[in-house]
Amino acid sequence: MKNYIYFLAVFCLFSFNHLHAQDSQVGKIVTIKGYKNANNKKVKDGIKAEVILDLPNIKLYRVFSASSVNVNQGGGNRGNVDVSDTFWYCKRPNEDVATIVSWTFRTQVNKNSIFRKNATEYFKDYPQLSKKIDDKELKHDDIVEVVTQYDTWKAGGN
């Protein structure tokens, strides 16, 4: 029994982070045109996204998808695995398509790898911000701060 309680406590600790704490605070839902995956090559129309930040020089959207996958391993081990993905899109006023700057999923070991690759590229017009991301000073869970800093910089407020 003691092991079960310990396991449950550890599981809860690692399952919760402050980005998921925002899930209960749903923003305005809009339909956007965005890239289909983190490689930012194939465009998809009609993505339902939550507006997280609507700033003058950039918008931040979140797309959350959840599903359950049935696992069947021949020998009788069966069950459902919860699968959830969170995509973070950014779009500047002059862009037609929103770009994935971060993508996380529950079983991902390094949640910063996609963020560091995509956000460094997306924010390269602001070299100091791009460098902070590349140098791991800003991480995937700093996305709101990153977008806010970018908007301030674009507005000339440094």
N, C-alpha and C. Protein backbone atom coordinates (compact mmCIF):
# COMPACT_ATOMS: atom_id res chain seq x y z
N MET A 1 0.83 -1.19 0.00
CA MET A 1 0.00 0.00 0.00
C MET A 1 0.87 1.26 0.00
N LYS A 2 1.95 1.22 0.80
CA LYS A 2 2.83 2.37 0.88
C LYS A 2 3.48 2.65 -0.49
N ASN A 3 3.87 1.57 -1.20
CA ASN A 3 4.45 1.74 -2.53
C ASN A 3 3.45 2.35 -3.51
N TYR A 4 2.20 1.93 -3.41
CA TYR A 4 1.16 2.46 -4.29
C TYR A 4 0.98 3.96 -4.08
N ILE A 5 0.93 4.40 -2.84
CA ILE A 5 0.76 5.82 -2.53
C ILE A 5 1.98 6.61 -3.02
N TYR A 6 3.17 6.05 -2.80
CA TYR A 6 4.39 6.71 -3.27
C TYR A 6 4.36 6.85 -4.80
N PHE A 7 4.01 5.77 -5.50
CA PHE A 7 3.92 5.81 -6.96
C PHE A 7 2.91 6.84 -7.42
N LEU A 8 1.76 6.88 -6.79
CA LEU A 8 0.71 7.83 -7.16
C LEU A 8 1.19 9.27 -6.95
N ALA A 9 1.87 9.52 -5.84
CA ALA A 9 2.37 10.87 -5.56
C ALA A 9 3.42 11.29 -6.59
N VAL A 10 4.34 10.40 -6.92
CA VAL A 10 5.36 10.71 -7.92
C VAL A 10 4.73 10.92 -9.29
N PHE A 11 3.77 10.07 -9.64
CA PHE A 11 3.08 10.19 -10.93
C PHE A 11 2.39 11.54 -11.04
N CYS A 12 1.68 11.94 -10.00
CA CYS A 12 0.98 13.22 -10.01
C CYS A 12 1.95 14.38 -10.12
N LEU A 13 3.07 14.29 -9.43
CA LEU A 13 4.07 15.35 -9.46
C LEU A 13 4.61 15.55 -10.87
N PHE A 14 4.93 14.44 -11.56
CA PHE A 14 5.51 14.55 -12.89
C PHE A 14 4.47 14.79 -13.98
N SER A 15 3.22 14.54 -13.71
CA SER A 15 2.17 14.72 -14.71
C SER A 15 1.67 16.14 -14.78
N PHE A 16 1.93 16.94 -13.81
CA PHE A 16 1.37 18.29 -13.75
C PHE A 16 2.46 19.32 -13.97
N ASN A 17 2.20 20.26 -14.82
CA ASN A 17 3.08 21.41 -14.94
C ASN A 17 2.24 22.64 -15.15
N HIS A 18 2.84 23.81 -15.06
CA HIS A 18 2.03 25.04 -15.08
C HIS A 18 1.41 25.31 -16.44
N LEU A 19 1.91 24.72 -17.52
CA LEU A 19 1.24 24.91 -18.81
C LEU A 19 -0.10 24.19 -18.84
N HIS A 20 -0.16 23.02 -18.19
CA HIS A 20 -1.44 22.31 -18.12
C HIS A 20 -2.39 22.99 -17.15
N ALA A 21 -1.86 23.75 -16.21
CA ALA A 21 -2.73 24.46 -15.26
C ALA A 21 -3.58 25.49 -15.98
N GLN A 22 -3.13 25.95 -17.15
CA GLN A 22 -3.88 26.93 -17.91
C GLN A 22 -5.06 26.30 -18.65
N ASP A 23 -5.09 24.98 -18.76
CA ASP A 23 -6.10 24.31 -19.57
C ASP A 23 -7.52 24.65 -19.16
N SER A 24 -7.75 24.94 -17.89
CA SER A 24 -9.10 25.24 -17.45
C SER A 24 -9.52 26.66 -17.82
N GLN A 25 -8.56 27.47 -18.23
CA GLN A 25 -8.84 28.86 -18.59
C GLN A 25 -8.86 28.96 -20.12
N VAL A 26 -9.94 28.56 -20.72
CA VAL A 26 -10.02 28.52 -22.17
C VAL A 26 -10.19 29.92 -22.73
N GLY A 27 -9.33 30.25 -23.71
CA GLY A 27 -9.43 31.53 -24.40
C GLY A 27 -10.36 31.39 -25.59
N LYS A 28 -10.39 32.42 -26.39
CA LYS A 28 -11.23 32.44 -27.58
C LYS A 28 -10.73 31.37 -28.57
N ILE A 29 -11.66 30.60 -29.10
CA ILE A 29 -11.32 29.57 -30.08
C ILE A 29 -11.54 30.14 -31.48
N VAL A 30 -10.52 30.02 -32.33
CA VAL A 30 -10.58 30.52 -33.69
C VAL A 30 -10.13 29.41 -34.64
N THR A 31 -10.39 29.62 -35.92
CA THR A 31 -9.92 28.69 -36.94
C THR A 31 -8.75 29.34 -37.66
N ILE A 32 -7.63 28.63 -37.71
CA ILE A 32 -6.43 29.17 -38.34
C ILE A 32 -5.94 28.24 -39.45
N LYS A 33 -5.11 28.79 -40.31
CA LYS A 33 -4.37 28.00 -41.29
C LYS A 33 -2.98 27.87 -40.70
N GLY A 34 -2.52 26.64 -40.53
CA GLY A 34 -1.21 26.43 -39.92
C GLY A 34 -0.51 25.25 -40.54
N TYR A 35 0.75 25.12 -40.19
CA TYR A 35 1.50 23.96 -40.66
C TYR A 35 1.04 22.73 -39.92
N LYS A 36 1.06 21.60 -40.62
CA LYS A 36 0.51 20.36 -40.09
C LYS A 36 1.41 19.69 -39.06
N ASN A 37 2.73 19.89 -39.19
CA ASN A 37 3.65 19.24 -38.26
C ASN A 37 4.82 20.16 -37.95
N ALA A 38 5.71 19.70 -37.11
CA ALA A 38 6.81 20.54 -36.64
C ALA A 38 7.86 20.82 -37.71
N ASN A 39 7.81 20.11 -38.83
CA ASN A 39 8.74 20.40 -39.93
C ASN A 39 8.31 21.62 -40.72
N ASN A 40 7.09 22.11 -40.47
CA ASN A 40 6.58 23.34 -41.09
C ASN A 40 6.65 23.31 -42.61
N LYS A 41 6.18 22.20 -43.19
CA LYS A 41 6.20 22.10 -44.64
C LYS A 41 4.81 21.97 -45.25
N LYS A 42 3.95 21.22 -44.64
CA LYS A 42 2.63 20.97 -45.21
C LYS A 42 1.58 21.82 -44.49
N VAL A 43 0.81 22.58 -45.26
CA VAL A 43 -0.18 23.50 -44.70
C VAL A 43 -1.51 22.77 -44.51
N LYS A 44 -2.16 23.08 -43.40
CA LYS A 44 -3.47 22.51 -43.10
C LYS A 44 -4.44 23.65 -42.81
N ASP A 45 -5.58 23.64 -43.48
CA ASP A 45 -6.63 24.63 -43.23
C ASP A 45 -7.55 24.14 -42.12
N GLY A 46 -8.20 25.07 -41.47
CA GLY A 46 -9.26 24.72 -40.53
C GLY A 46 -8.81 24.15 -39.21
N ILE A 47 -7.69 24.61 -38.68
CA ILE A 47 -7.22 24.15 -37.38
C ILE A 47 -7.94 24.97 -36.30
N LYS A 48 -8.60 24.29 -35.39
CA LYS A 48 -9.25 24.97 -34.26
C LYS A 48 -8.19 25.24 -33.20
N ALA A 49 -7.99 26.52 -32.90
CA ALA A 49 -6.92 26.91 -31.99
C ALA A 49 -7.44 27.88 -30.94
N GLU A 50 -6.84 27.82 -29.78
CA GLU A 50 -7.15 28.75 -28.70
C GLU A 50 -6.19 29.93 -28.77
N VAL A 51 -6.71 31.13 -28.73
CA VAL A 51 -5.87 32.33 -28.72
C VAL A 51 -5.32 32.51 -27.30
N ILE A 52 -4.00 32.44 -27.17
CA ILE A 52 -3.35 32.63 -25.88
C ILE A 52 -2.91 34.08 -25.73
N LEU A 53 -2.28 34.63 -26.77
CA LEU A 53 -1.87 36.03 -26.78
C LEU A 53 -2.27 36.65 -28.12
N ASP A 54 -2.91 37.78 -28.07
CA ASP A 54 -3.27 38.52 -29.27
C ASP A 54 -2.62 39.89 -29.16
N LEU A 55 -1.35 39.95 -29.55
CA LEU A 55 -0.55 41.16 -29.41
C LEU A 55 -0.45 41.87 -30.77
N PRO A 56 -0.07 43.13 -30.79
CA PRO A 56 -0.04 43.87 -32.06
C PRO A 56 0.89 43.28 -33.12
N ASN A 57 2.02 42.69 -32.70
CA ASN A 57 3.02 42.23 -33.65
C ASN A 57 3.11 40.72 -33.80
N ILE A 58 2.35 39.99 -33.02
CA ILE A 58 2.39 38.52 -33.07
C ILE A 58 1.21 37.95 -32.29
N LYS A 59 0.76 36.79 -32.73
CA LYS A 59 -0.29 36.06 -32.01
C LYS A 59 0.27 34.69 -31.61
N LEU A 60 -0.17 34.22 -30.45
CA LEU A 60 0.21 32.90 -29.96
C LEU A 60 -1.06 32.08 -29.82
N TYR A 61 -1.04 30.89 -30.44
CA TYR A 61 -2.19 29.98 -30.39
C TYR A 61 -1.75 28.66 -29.77
N ARG A 62 -2.71 27.99 -29.15
CA ARG A 62 -2.46 26.65 -28.62
C ARG A 62 -3.50 25.70 -29.19
N VAL A 63 -3.02 24.56 -29.65
CA VAL A 63 -3.89 23.50 -30.14
C VAL A 63 -3.60 22.26 -29.30
N PHE A 64 -4.61 21.76 -28.65
CA PHE A 64 -4.47 20.58 -27.79
C PHE A 64 -5.30 19.45 -28.37
N SER A 65 -4.68 18.31 -28.53
CA SER A 65 -5.43 17.15 -28.99
C SER A 65 -5.15 15.98 -28.06
N ALA A 66 -6.18 15.24 -27.76
CA ALA A 66 -6.04 14.08 -26.88
C ALA A 66 -6.79 12.91 -27.49
N SER A 67 -6.21 11.75 -27.33
CA SER A 67 -6.86 10.53 -27.79
C SER A 67 -6.33 9.36 -26.97
N SER A 68 -6.87 8.22 -27.25
CA SER A 68 -6.47 7.01 -26.55
C SER A 68 -6.11 5.96 -27.60
N VAL A 69 -4.98 5.30 -27.41
CA VAL A 69 -4.52 4.29 -28.34
C VAL A 69 -4.62 2.94 -27.66
N ASN A 70 -5.20 1.97 -28.34
CA ASN A 70 -5.32 0.62 -27.82
C ASN A 70 -4.02 -0.13 -28.08
N VAL A 71 -3.39 -0.59 -27.01
CA VAL A 71 -2.13 -1.32 -27.11
C VAL A 71 -2.43 -2.80 -26.98
N ASN A 72 -2.04 -3.56 -27.98
CA ASN A 72 -2.25 -5.01 -27.97
C ASN A 72 -0.93 -5.66 -28.31
N GLN A 73 -0.29 -6.27 -27.32
CA GLN A 73 0.98 -6.92 -27.54
C GLN A 73 0.80 -8.43 -27.51
N GLY A 74 0.23 -8.98 -28.51
CA GLY A 74 0.04 -10.40 -28.72
C GLY A 74 -0.10 -11.30 -27.51
N GLY A 75 0.73 -11.19 -26.51
CA GLY A 75 0.73 -12.10 -25.38
C GLY A 75 -0.33 -11.81 -24.33
N GLY A 76 -1.20 -10.91 -24.58
CA GLY A 76 -2.27 -10.65 -23.64
C GLY A 76 -2.17 -9.32 -22.91
N ASN A 77 -1.06 -8.62 -23.07
CA ASN A 77 -0.95 -7.29 -22.46
C ASN A 77 -1.75 -6.31 -23.31
N ARG A 78 -2.89 -5.93 -22.80
CA ARG A 78 -3.75 -5.02 -23.54
C ARG A 78 -4.12 -3.85 -22.65
N GLY A 79 -4.41 -2.78 -23.30
CA GLY A 79 -4.85 -1.61 -22.55
C GLY A 79 -4.83 -0.38 -23.42
N ASN A 80 -5.30 0.68 -22.86
CA ASN A 80 -5.32 1.95 -23.57
C ASN A 80 -4.24 2.86 -23.03
N VAL A 81 -3.60 3.57 -23.93
CA VAL A 81 -2.60 4.55 -23.55
C VAL A 81 -3.13 5.92 -23.96
N ASP A 82 -3.16 6.84 -23.00
CA ASP A 82 -3.61 8.19 -23.31
C ASP A 82 -2.51 8.92 -24.07
N VAL A 83 -2.89 9.52 -25.17
CA VAL A 83 -1.96 10.26 -26.02
C VAL A 83 -2.46 11.69 -26.12
N SER A 84 -1.62 12.63 -25.78
CA SER A 84 -2.02 14.03 -25.91
C SER A 84 -0.87 14.83 -26.51
N ASP A 85 -1.23 15.77 -27.35
CA ASP A 85 -0.26 16.65 -28.00
C ASP A 85 -0.68 18.09 -27.75
N THR A 86 0.28 18.95 -27.53
CA THR A 86 0.03 20.38 -27.44
C THR A 86 0.93 21.06 -28.46
N PHE A 87 0.30 21.74 -29.41
CA PHE A 87 1.02 22.50 -30.43
C PHE A 87 0.90 23.98 -30.10
N TRP A 88 2.00 24.69 -30.17
CA TRP A 88 2.03 26.14 -29.96
C TRP A 88 2.39 26.78 -31.29
N TYR A 89 1.47 27.58 -31.81
CA TYR A 89 1.63 28.25 -33.09
C TYR A 89 1.85 29.74 -32.87
N CYS A 90 2.67 30.35 -33.73
CA CYS A 90 2.83 31.80 -33.76
C CYS A 90 2.51 32.29 -35.16
N LYS A 91 1.99 33.52 -35.21
CA LYS A 91 1.67 34.12 -36.51
C LYS A 91 1.85 35.63 -36.40
N ARG A 92 2.70 36.15 -37.28
CA ARG A 92 2.88 37.60 -37.38
C ARG A 92 1.81 38.16 -38.31
N PRO A 93 1.51 39.46 -38.22
CA PRO A 93 0.46 40.05 -39.06
C PRO A 93 0.66 39.87 -40.57
N ASN A 94 1.91 39.81 -41.03
CA ASN A 94 2.17 39.68 -42.46
C ASN A 94 2.25 38.23 -42.94
N GLU A 95 1.98 37.27 -42.08
CA GLU A 95 2.07 35.85 -42.45
C GLU A 95 0.68 35.28 -42.72
N ASP A 96 0.60 34.43 -43.74
CA ASP A 96 -0.66 33.77 -44.07
C ASP A 96 -0.87 32.49 -43.27
N VAL A 97 0.24 31.86 -42.88
CA VAL A 97 0.18 30.55 -42.23
C VAL A 97 0.86 30.63 -40.86
N ALA A 98 0.20 30.08 -39.84
CA ALA A 98 0.79 30.03 -38.49
C ALA A 98 1.86 28.94 -38.45
N THR A 99 2.93 29.21 -37.73
CA THR A 99 4.08 28.32 -37.64
C THR A 99 4.12 27.64 -36.28
N ILE A 100 4.40 26.34 -36.28
CA ILE A 100 4.57 25.61 -35.02
C ILE A 100 5.93 25.98 -34.43
N VAL A 101 5.92 26.61 -33.26
CA VAL A 101 7.18 26.94 -32.59
C VAL A 101 7.49 25.95 -31.47
N SER A 102 6.49 25.22 -31.03
CA SER A 102 6.71 24.20 -30.01
C SER A 102 5.64 23.13 -30.11
N TRP A 103 6.03 21.91 -29.80
CA TRP A 103 5.11 20.79 -29.82
C TRP A 103 5.54 19.85 -28.71
N THR A 104 4.65 19.59 -27.80
CA THR A 104 4.97 18.66 -26.72
C THR A 104 3.91 17.58 -26.65
N PHE A 105 4.33 16.43 -26.19
CA PHE A 105 3.41 15.33 -25.97
C PHE A 105 3.80 14.63 -24.68
N ARG A 106 2.85 13.98 -24.08
CA ARG A 106 2.99 13.45 -22.73
C ARG A 106 4.21 12.56 -22.53
N THR A 107 4.52 11.70 -23.48
CA THR A 107 5.60 10.74 -23.29
C THR A 107 6.95 11.25 -23.78
N GLN A 108 7.01 12.48 -24.20
CA GLN A 108 8.24 13.06 -24.74
C GLN A 108 9.28 13.22 -23.64
N VAL A 109 10.50 12.79 -23.91
CA VAL A 109 11.56 12.88 -22.92
C VAL A 109 12.12 14.30 -22.86
N ASN A 110 12.49 14.87 -24.00
CA ASN A 110 13.05 16.22 -24.04
C ASN A 110 12.06 17.17 -24.69
N LYS A 111 11.27 17.83 -23.90
CA LYS A 111 10.22 18.71 -24.42
C LYS A 111 10.79 19.99 -25.03
N ASN A 112 12.07 20.25 -24.83
CA ASN A 112 12.67 21.47 -25.36
C ASN A 112 13.29 21.30 -26.74
N SER A 113 13.48 20.09 -27.22
CA SER A 113 14.20 19.89 -28.48
C SER A 113 13.48 20.53 -29.66
N ILE A 114 12.20 20.30 -29.81
CA ILE A 114 11.45 20.87 -30.93
C ILE A 114 11.32 22.38 -30.74
N PHE A 115 11.06 22.82 -29.52
CA PHE A 115 10.97 24.25 -29.25
C PHE A 115 12.27 24.95 -29.62
N ARG A 116 13.39 24.40 -29.17
CA ARG A 116 14.68 25.05 -29.44
C ARG A 116 14.94 25.14 -30.95
N LYS A 117 14.65 24.08 -31.67
CA LYS A 117 14.88 24.08 -33.13
C LYS A 117 13.94 25.07 -33.83
N ASN A 118 12.66 24.97 -33.58
CA ASN A 118 11.68 25.78 -34.32
C ASN A 118 11.65 27.23 -33.86
N ALA A 119 11.68 27.46 -32.56
CA ALA A 119 11.59 28.84 -32.05
C ALA A 119 12.85 29.63 -32.38
N THR A 120 14.01 28.98 -32.33
CA THR A 120 15.26 29.66 -32.70
C THR A 120 15.17 30.16 -34.14
N GLU A 121 14.64 29.33 -35.01
CA GLU A 121 14.48 29.71 -36.42
C GLU A 121 13.40 30.79 -36.59
N TYR A 122 12.27 30.61 -35.93
CA TYR A 122 11.15 31.54 -36.11
C TYR A 122 11.49 32.95 -35.62
N PHE A 123 12.19 33.04 -34.52
CA PHE A 123 12.50 34.34 -33.92
C PHE A 123 13.88 34.85 -34.32
N LYS A 124 14.45 34.35 -35.40
CA LYS A 124 15.81 34.73 -35.79
C LYS A 124 15.94 36.21 -36.17
N ASP A 125 14.83 36.88 -36.48
CA ASP A 125 14.91 38.32 -36.77
C ASP A 125 15.20 39.13 -35.50
N TYR A 126 15.06 38.50 -34.33
CA TYR A 126 15.43 39.10 -33.05
C TYR A 126 16.57 38.24 -32.49
N PRO A 127 17.82 38.50 -32.92
CA PRO A 127 18.94 37.61 -32.62
C PRO A 127 19.17 37.34 -31.13
N GLN A 128 18.97 38.34 -30.28
CA GLN A 128 19.21 38.14 -28.85
C GLN A 128 18.21 37.13 -28.27
N LEU A 129 16.97 37.21 -28.69
CA LEU A 129 15.95 36.26 -28.22
C LEU A 129 16.24 34.87 -28.76
N SER A 130 16.56 34.79 -30.03
CA SER A 130 16.88 33.51 -30.66
C SER A 130 18.06 32.84 -29.95
N LYS A 131 19.06 33.63 -29.59
CA LYS A 131 20.23 33.10 -28.88
C LYS A 131 19.86 32.58 -27.49
N LYS A 132 19.00 33.31 -26.78
CA LYS A 132 18.56 32.85 -25.45
C LYS A 132 17.86 31.50 -25.54
N ILE A 133 17.09 31.31 -26.60
CA ILE A 133 16.40 30.02 -26.80
C ILE A 133 17.42 28.94 -27.12
N ASP A 134 18.33 29.24 -28.04
CA ASP A 134 19.34 28.27 -28.45
C ASP A 134 20.27 27.91 -27.30
N ASP A 135 20.57 28.88 -26.43
CA ASP A 135 21.44 28.65 -25.27
C ASP A 135 20.71 28.04 -24.08
N LYS A 136 19.44 27.71 -24.25
CA LYS A 136 18.61 27.06 -23.23
C LYS A 136 18.29 27.96 -22.04
N GLU A 137 18.43 29.28 -22.21
CA GLU A 137 18.01 30.21 -21.16
C GLU A 137 16.48 30.29 -21.11
N LEU A 138 15.86 30.16 -22.28
CA LEU A 138 14.40 30.13 -22.38
C LEU A 138 14.00 28.76 -22.91
N LYS A 139 13.01 28.16 -22.26
CA LYS A 139 12.60 26.79 -22.60
C LYS A 139 11.16 26.76 -23.06
N HIS A 140 10.70 25.57 -23.42
CA HIS A 140 9.35 25.42 -24.00
C HIS A 140 8.25 25.98 -23.10
N ASP A 141 8.43 25.88 -21.80
CA ASP A 141 7.38 26.39 -20.91
C ASP A 141 7.48 27.90 -20.67
N ASP A 142 8.43 28.55 -21.35
CA ASP A 142 8.54 30.01 -21.32
C ASP A 142 7.92 30.64 -22.56
N ILE A 143 7.12 29.90 -23.29
CA ILE A 143 6.60 30.36 -24.59
C ILE A 143 5.86 31.69 -24.49
N VAL A 144 5.06 31.89 -23.46
CA VAL A 144 4.33 33.15 -23.31
C VAL A 144 5.32 34.30 -23.12
N GLU A 145 6.32 34.10 -22.30
CA GLU A 145 7.36 35.12 -22.08
C GLU A 145 8.11 35.41 -23.38
N VAL A 146 8.45 34.37 -24.14
CA VAL A 146 9.17 34.53 -25.40
C VAL A 146 8.37 35.40 -26.37
N VAL A 147 7.10 35.08 -26.53
CA VAL A 147 6.25 35.82 -27.47
C VAL A 147 6.05 37.26 -27.00
N THR A 148 5.89 37.45 -25.70
CA THR A 148 5.74 38.80 -25.16
C THR A 148 7.00 39.63 -25.38
N GLN A 149 8.17 39.03 -25.14
CA GLN A 149 9.43 39.73 -25.38
C GLN A 149 9.57 40.10 -26.86
N TYR A 150 9.18 39.18 -27.73
CA TYR A 150 9.27 39.44 -29.16
C TYR A 150 8.37 40.62 -29.55
N ASP A 151 7.16 40.64 -29.05
CA ASP A 151 6.23 41.72 -29.37
C ASP A 151 6.77 43.07 -28.88
N THR A 152 7.32 43.08 -27.69
CA THR A 152 7.90 44.32 -27.13
C THR A 152 9.05 44.79 -28.01
N TRP A 153 9.90 43.86 -28.43
CA TRP A 153 11.03 44.21 -29.29
C TRP A 153 10.55 44.76 -30.64
N LYS A 154 9.55 44.11 -31.23
CA LYS A 154 9.02 44.57 -32.52
C LYS A 154 8.41 45.97 -32.40
N ALA A 155 7.84 46.26 -31.24
CA ALA A 155 7.23 47.57 -31.02
C ALA A 155 8.27 48.66 -30.74
N GLY A 156 9.54 48.23 -30.63
CA GLY A 156 10.61 49.19 -30.38
C GLY A 156 10.87 49.44 -28.92
N GLY A 157 10.28 48.60 -28.06
CA GLY A 157 10.42 48.80 -26.62
C GLY A 157 11.59 48.11 -25.98
N ASN A 158 12.28 47.24 -26.74
CA ASN A 158 13.43 46.49 -26.25
C ASN A 158 13.22 46.11 -24.84
